[in-house]
């Protein structure tokens, strides 16, 4: 049937008859499906930005004058996302398809068809699929540790990082903490938990780093603890810390600069006070009233 005959029949018999004749008029060569469509990228990470582009070729009916439409989408269960577009004169086409943000990880079929402008199927493209993967998990960061010639340990940590990534800290061991991620000039209060033991209040420097000297208070039990930093706005940042049951030796105390003379001086002062009290008691007249 010629194109003019098809037009006259369609006009006389209505759209339904016209669609039937349009399908019958397709040349056998035009009904052969080309290669599978190309999906770019072939693998996409699930999430709000998950979008693929489906592209194909040969969606045309040369010599018939019948316009075509390419339709493509991604199927997931009983639902799917897709669209349609009029191909270029050479039969090539591309359709961008946005996937649901919560689409589970897996492989999903891509369906693509070439249709006449009237909705009649010209051919279905070969099977294709797209892989949906989970977002890459960033490797867990650890705090950095440095030790100077005197054995003083400096730990630089981001919120949530352990303050003892090397070895548990001994009670009495001096550690310099560099806590990053604060606002320059912000005052931060550090308290060791679970039994609250205040370490002190510190001010972040111009780079937003809180520098604090940490010495586990005497009597703090060995095991896992948490150093909590209360920020200026009241929010709390936590840092895990592990304390050892071992105690520092006198040599280690001296090497780290920890003071071993203060308790001794205090003890001497107490002894002197006691001696003075004894001397005063001895000087008190026998009949003096007791305080």
Protein backbone atom coordinates (compact mmCIF):
# COMPACT_ATOMS: atom_id res chain seq x y z
CA UNK A 1 0.00 0.00 0.00
CA UNK A 2 1.33 3.38 -0.96
CA UNK A 3 1.64 6.29 1.46
CA UNK A 4 -1.23 8.11 -0.30
CA UNK A 5 -3.44 5.01 -0.07
CA UNK A 6 -2.60 4.68 3.70
CA UNK A 7 -3.61 8.32 4.20
CA UNK A 8 -6.93 7.88 2.38
CA UNK A 9 -7.77 4.70 4.31
CA UNK A 10 -6.85 6.24 7.63
CA UNK A 11 -9.02 9.27 6.89
CA UNK A 12 -11.96 7.14 5.80
CA UNK A 13 -11.79 4.36 8.41
CA UNK A 14 -10.59 6.17 11.55
CA UNK A 15 -7.48 6.02 13.72
CA UNK A 16 -7.83 2.36 14.79
CA UNK A 17 -7.81 1.05 11.27
CA UNK A 18 -4.98 3.45 10.44
CA UNK A 19 -2.81 2.01 13.25
CA UNK A 20 -3.42 -1.53 12.03
CA UNK A 21 -2.46 -0.67 8.48
CA UNK A 22 0.58 1.27 9.69
CA UNK A 23 1.86 -1.84 11.41
CA UNK A 24 1.20 -3.95 8.32
CA UNK A 25 3.03 -1.48 6.11
CA UNK A 26 6.35 -1.80 7.99
CA UNK A 27 9.08 -3.41 5.97
CA UNK A 28 10.42 -6.69 7.48
CA UNK A 29 13.93 -5.22 7.70
CA UNK A 30 12.69 -2.38 9.88
CA UNK A 31 11.31 -4.81 12.47
CA UNK A 32 14.69 -6.34 13.32
CA UNK A 33 15.89 -5.10 16.74
CA UNK A 34 19.41 -3.64 16.88
CA UNK A 35 21.91 -4.15 19.68
CA UNK A 36 20.99 -3.58 23.30
CA UNK A 37 20.79 0.04 24.43
CA UNK A 38 23.78 1.60 26.16
CA UNK A 39 23.36 2.52 29.83
CA UNK A 40 25.67 5.23 31.18
CA UNK A 41 26.97 4.72 33.77
CA UNK A 42 26.54 0.95 33.88
CA UNK A 43 26.77 1.10 37.67
CA UNK A 44 25.34 3.87 39.83
CA UNK A 45 25.49 4.57 43.56
CA UNK A 46 22.10 4.59 45.25
CA UNK A 47 21.01 7.96 46.56
CA UNK A 48 19.37 11.26 45.57
CA UNK A 49 21.76 11.78 42.64
CA UNK A 50 21.26 8.32 41.11
CA UNK A 51 20.62 8.98 37.40
CA UNK A 52 21.41 6.96 34.29
CA UNK A 53 21.24 7.80 30.59
CA UNK A 54 19.83 5.16 28.25
CA UNK A 55 20.85 5.51 24.60
CA UNK A 56 19.93 3.56 21.46
CA UNK A 57 20.12 3.51 17.70
CA UNK A 58 18.07 2.55 14.63
CA UNK A 59 14.70 3.77 15.90
CA UNK A 60 13.48 4.93 12.48
CA UNK A 61 11.39 3.73 9.57
CA UNK A 62 13.17 5.05 6.49
CA UNK A 63 11.11 5.24 3.37
CA UNK A 64 7.75 5.00 5.19
CA UNK A 65 7.29 8.57 6.33
CA UNK A 66 6.04 7.22 9.66
CA UNK A 67 7.56 9.06 12.66
CA UNK A 68 8.91 7.04 15.54
CA UNK A 69 9.27 7.39 19.30
CA UNK A 70 11.89 5.77 21.55
CA UNK A 71 10.74 4.73 25.02
CA UNK A 72 13.07 3.51 27.77
CA UNK A 73 13.18 3.08 31.51
CA UNK A 74 14.47 1.11 34.48
CA UNK A 75 12.17 -1.44 36.05
CA UNK A 76 12.17 -2.21 39.78
CA UNK A 77 9.49 -4.69 40.73
CA UNK A 78 6.03 -3.57 39.72
CA UNK A 79 7.18 -0.01 39.20
CA UNK A 80 9.71 1.84 37.11
CA UNK A 81 11.03 5.19 35.98
CA UNK A 82 11.49 6.19 32.39
CA UNK A 83 10.49 8.44 29.55
CA UNK A 84 10.17 8.78 25.79
CA UNK A 85 11.69 10.95 23.12
CA UNK A 86 11.51 11.45 19.36
CA UNK A 87 14.71 10.05 17.85
CA UNK A 88 17.13 12.04 15.77
CA UNK A 89 16.79 11.75 11.97
CA UNK A 90 19.39 8.97 11.99
CA UNK A 91 17.42 6.97 14.59
CA UNK A 92 19.68 7.66 17.58
CA UNK A 93 18.22 8.74 20.91
CA UNK A 94 19.03 9.24 24.60
CA UNK A 95 16.82 9.39 27.69
CA UNK A 96 17.92 10.40 31.19
CA UNK A 97 16.24 8.37 33.93
CA UNK A 98 16.32 9.39 37.59
CA UNK A 99 16.19 6.46 40.00
CA UNK A 100 14.48 6.51 43.41
CA UNK A 101 16.79 7.80 46.15
CA UNK A 102 16.06 4.77 48.35
CA UNK A 103 16.46 2.13 45.65
CA UNK A 104 18.04 -0.97 47.25
CA UNK A 105 21.35 -2.31 46.03
CA UNK A 106 20.96 -4.78 43.16
CA UNK A 107 20.72 -5.24 39.39
CA UNK A 108 17.70 -3.77 37.60
CA UNK A 109 16.47 -4.47 34.05
CA UNK A 110 16.46 -1.72 31.46
CA UNK A 111 13.52 -1.84 29.05
CA UNK A 112 13.68 0.02 25.74
CA UNK A 113 11.35 0.05 22.76
CA UNK A 114 10.99 1.74 19.42
CA UNK A 115 7.40 2.69 18.61
CA UNK A 116 5.55 4.43 15.83
CA UNK A 117 4.23 7.86 16.59
CA UNK A 118 0.81 6.20 16.88
CA UNK A 119 1.93 3.75 19.56
CA UNK A 120 2.50 0.65 17.45
CA UNK A 121 5.56 -1.40 18.44
CA UNK A 122 8.34 -1.38 15.88
CA UNK A 123 10.72 -3.51 17.97
CA UNK A 124 11.94 -4.11 21.53
CA UNK A 125 15.63 -3.61 22.19
CA UNK A 126 17.73 -6.47 23.52
CA UNK A 127 17.86 -6.90 27.30
CA UNK A 128 20.09 -4.61 29.30
CA UNK A 129 20.53 -3.83 33.01
CA UNK A 130 21.97 -1.29 35.41
CA UNK A 131 23.76 -2.08 38.67
CA UNK A 132 22.89 -0.09 41.78
CA UNK A 133 25.60 -0.15 44.43
CA UNK A 134 25.96 1.10 47.99
CA UNK A 135 27.94 4.27 48.72
CA UNK A 136 31.59 3.61 49.38
CA UNK A 137 32.40 3.54 53.07
CA UNK A 138 35.12 5.98 53.91
CA UNK A 139 37.99 4.27 55.70
CA UNK A 140 37.87 4.91 59.41
CA UNK A 141 40.29 7.60 60.41
CA UNK A 142 42.44 7.31 63.48
CA UNK A 143 44.00 9.99 65.59
CA UNK A 144 47.66 10.73 64.94
CA UNK A 145 50.21 10.16 67.67
CA UNK A 146 53.64 11.74 68.09
CA UNK A 147 56.15 11.32 70.88
CA UNK A 148 58.97 13.75 71.58
CA UNK A 149 62.46 13.01 72.90
CA UNK A 150 61.21 13.20 76.48
CA UNK A 151 58.49 10.68 75.78
CA UNK A 152 55.64 13.18 75.93
CA UNK A 153 52.81 11.94 73.70
CA UNK A 154 50.83 14.38 71.54
CA UNK A 155 47.52 13.12 70.14
CA UNK A 156 45.72 15.01 67.35
CA UNK A 157 42.11 13.87 67.04
CA UNK A 158 38.89 14.70 65.26
CA UNK A 159 35.53 14.33 67.05
CA UNK A 160 34.81 10.71 67.87
CA UNK A 161 38.38 9.48 67.43
CA UNK A 162 40.14 7.57 70.18
CA UNK A 163 42.64 9.53 72.25
CA UNK A 164 44.63 6.33 72.84
CA UNK A 165 45.04 4.87 69.33
CA UNK A 166 48.50 3.60 70.21
CA UNK A 167 48.45 2.09 73.71
CA UNK A 168 46.29 2.67 76.80
CA UNK A 169 47.37 5.69 78.81
CA UNK A 170 48.81 5.03 82.24
CA UNK A 171 47.41 6.90 85.20
CA UNK A 172 49.70 9.88 85.70
CA UNK A 173 50.94 9.87 82.10
CA UNK A 174 50.98 13.31 80.50
CA UNK A 175 49.40 13.58 77.06
CA UNK A 176 49.01 16.72 74.98
CA UNK A 177 45.66 16.65 73.21
CA UNK A 178 45.03 18.59 69.99
CA UNK A 179 41.28 18.43 69.37
CA UNK A 180 40.34 19.77 65.93
CA UNK A 181 37.10 21.06 64.44
CA UNK A 182 36.15 23.83 66.84
CA UNK A 183 35.41 27.51 66.29
CA UNK A 184 38.38 29.85 66.76
CA UNK A 185 38.17 31.42 70.21
CA UNK A 186 35.53 28.94 71.41
CA UNK A 187 35.72 27.88 75.05
CA UNK A 188 35.47 24.12 75.56
CA UNK A 189 35.09 22.27 78.86
CA UNK A 190 36.68 18.82 79.10
CA UNK A 191 35.30 16.25 81.56
CA UNK A 192 36.40 12.61 81.89
CA UNK A 193 33.53 10.12 82.31
CA UNK A 194 31.84 7.90 83.42
CA UNK A 195 32.51 9.25 86.90
CA UNK A 196 32.76 12.96 86.00
CA UNK A 197 36.28 14.31 86.57
CA UNK A 198 36.80 17.82 85.23
CA UNK A 199 40.01 18.27 83.25
CA UNK A 200 39.54 21.99 82.65
CA UNK A 201 38.19 24.66 80.29
CA UNK A 202 40.25 25.51 77.22
CA UNK A 203 40.04 28.03 74.36
CA UNK A 204 40.35 27.00 70.71
CA UNK A 205 43.16 28.70 68.82
CA UNK A 206 42.90 30.60 65.53
CA UNK A 207 42.72 27.30 63.63
CA UNK A 208 39.91 25.96 65.80
CA UNK A 209 42.20 23.55 67.66
CA UNK A 210 41.77 22.97 71.38
CA UNK A 211 45.14 22.16 72.96
CA UNK A 212 44.94 20.61 76.42
CA UNK A 213 47.26 18.73 78.72
CA UNK A 214 45.63 15.53 79.89
CA UNK A 215 46.71 13.49 82.91
CA UNK A 216 44.29 10.82 84.10
CA UNK A 217 43.38 11.73 87.67
CA UNK A 218 44.68 9.44 90.40
CA UNK A 219 42.10 6.84 91.36
CA UNK A 220 40.62 6.62 87.85
CA UNK A 221 39.96 2.92 87.22
CA UNK A 222 41.60 1.13 84.31
CA UNK A 223 39.46 0.43 81.25
CA UNK A 224 37.46 2.34 78.69
CA UNK A 225 36.37 5.89 79.40
CA UNK A 226 35.06 8.88 77.48
CA UNK A 227 36.43 12.38 77.41
CA UNK A 228 33.51 14.70 76.75
CA UNK A 229 33.99 18.20 75.36
CA UNK A 230 31.11 20.59 76.02
CA UNK A 231 31.10 23.31 73.38
CA UNK A 232 30.03 26.93 73.74
CA UNK A 233 26.58 26.14 72.31
CA UNK A 234 26.05 23.29 74.78
CA UNK A 235 26.60 20.42 72.35
CA UNK A 236 28.85 17.60 73.51
CA UNK A 237 31.65 15.95 71.50
CA UNK A 238 32.91 12.58 72.76
CA UNK A 239 36.35 10.99 72.49
CA UNK A 240 37.00 7.39 73.61
CA UNK A 241 40.03 6.90 75.82
CA UNK A 242 41.49 3.76 77.40
CA UNK A 243 43.45 3.76 80.64
CA UNK A 244 45.95 1.09 81.63
CA UNK A 245 46.15 -0.60 85.01
CA UNK A 246 49.92 -0.03 84.91
CA UNK A 247 51.39 2.87 86.81
CA UNK A 248 54.21 5.10 85.69
CA UNK A 249 57.60 4.42 87.18
CA UNK A 250 59.56 7.23 88.83
CA UNK A 251 61.81 7.31 85.75
CA UNK A 252 58.79 7.65 83.42
CA UNK A 253 57.34 10.38 85.59
CA UNK A 254 60.60 12.28 85.42
CA UNK A 255 60.93 11.71 81.66
CA UNK A 256 57.46 13.07 80.89
CA UNK A 257 57.91 16.08 83.12
CA UNK A 258 55.20 15.05 85.58
CA UNK A 259 55.77 16.60 88.97
CA UNK A 260 56.84 14.16 91.70
CA UNK A 261 57.91 16.92 94.09
CA UNK A 262 54.52 18.47 94.80
CA UNK A 263 53.22 15.53 96.87
CA UNK A 264 56.55 15.39 98.69
CA UNK A 265 56.53 19.13 99.45
CA UNK A 266 52.94 18.85 100.60
CA UNK A 267 53.89 16.00 102.86
CA UNK A 268 56.77 17.98 104.34
CA UNK A 269 54.45 20.94 104.91
CA UNK A 270 52.01 18.71 106.75
CA UNK A 271 54.82 17.33 108.85
CA UNK A 272 55.99 20.84 109.68
CA UNK A 273 52.48 21.86 110.64
CA UNK A 274 52.23 18.80 112.84
CA UNK A 275 55.59 19.52 114.42
CA UNK A 276 54.59 23.12 115.09
CA UNK A 277 51.37 22.00 116.70
CA UNK A 278 53.30 19.58 118.90
CA UNK A 279 55.80 22.29 119.88
CA UNK A 280 52.97 24.71 120.67
CA UNK A 281 51.27 22.07 122.79
CA UNK A 282 54.44 21.52 124.68
CA UNK A 283 54.77 25.31 125.32
CA UNK A 284 51.15 25.56 126.52
CA UNK A 285 50.90 26.04 130.31
CA UNK A 286 49.68 23.01 132.12
CA UNK A 287 46.54 24.75 133.30
CA UNK A 288 45.59 26.40 129.97
CA UNK A 289 42.10 25.71 128.67
CA UNK A 290 41.82 23.38 125.63
CA UNK A 291 40.52 24.88 122.36
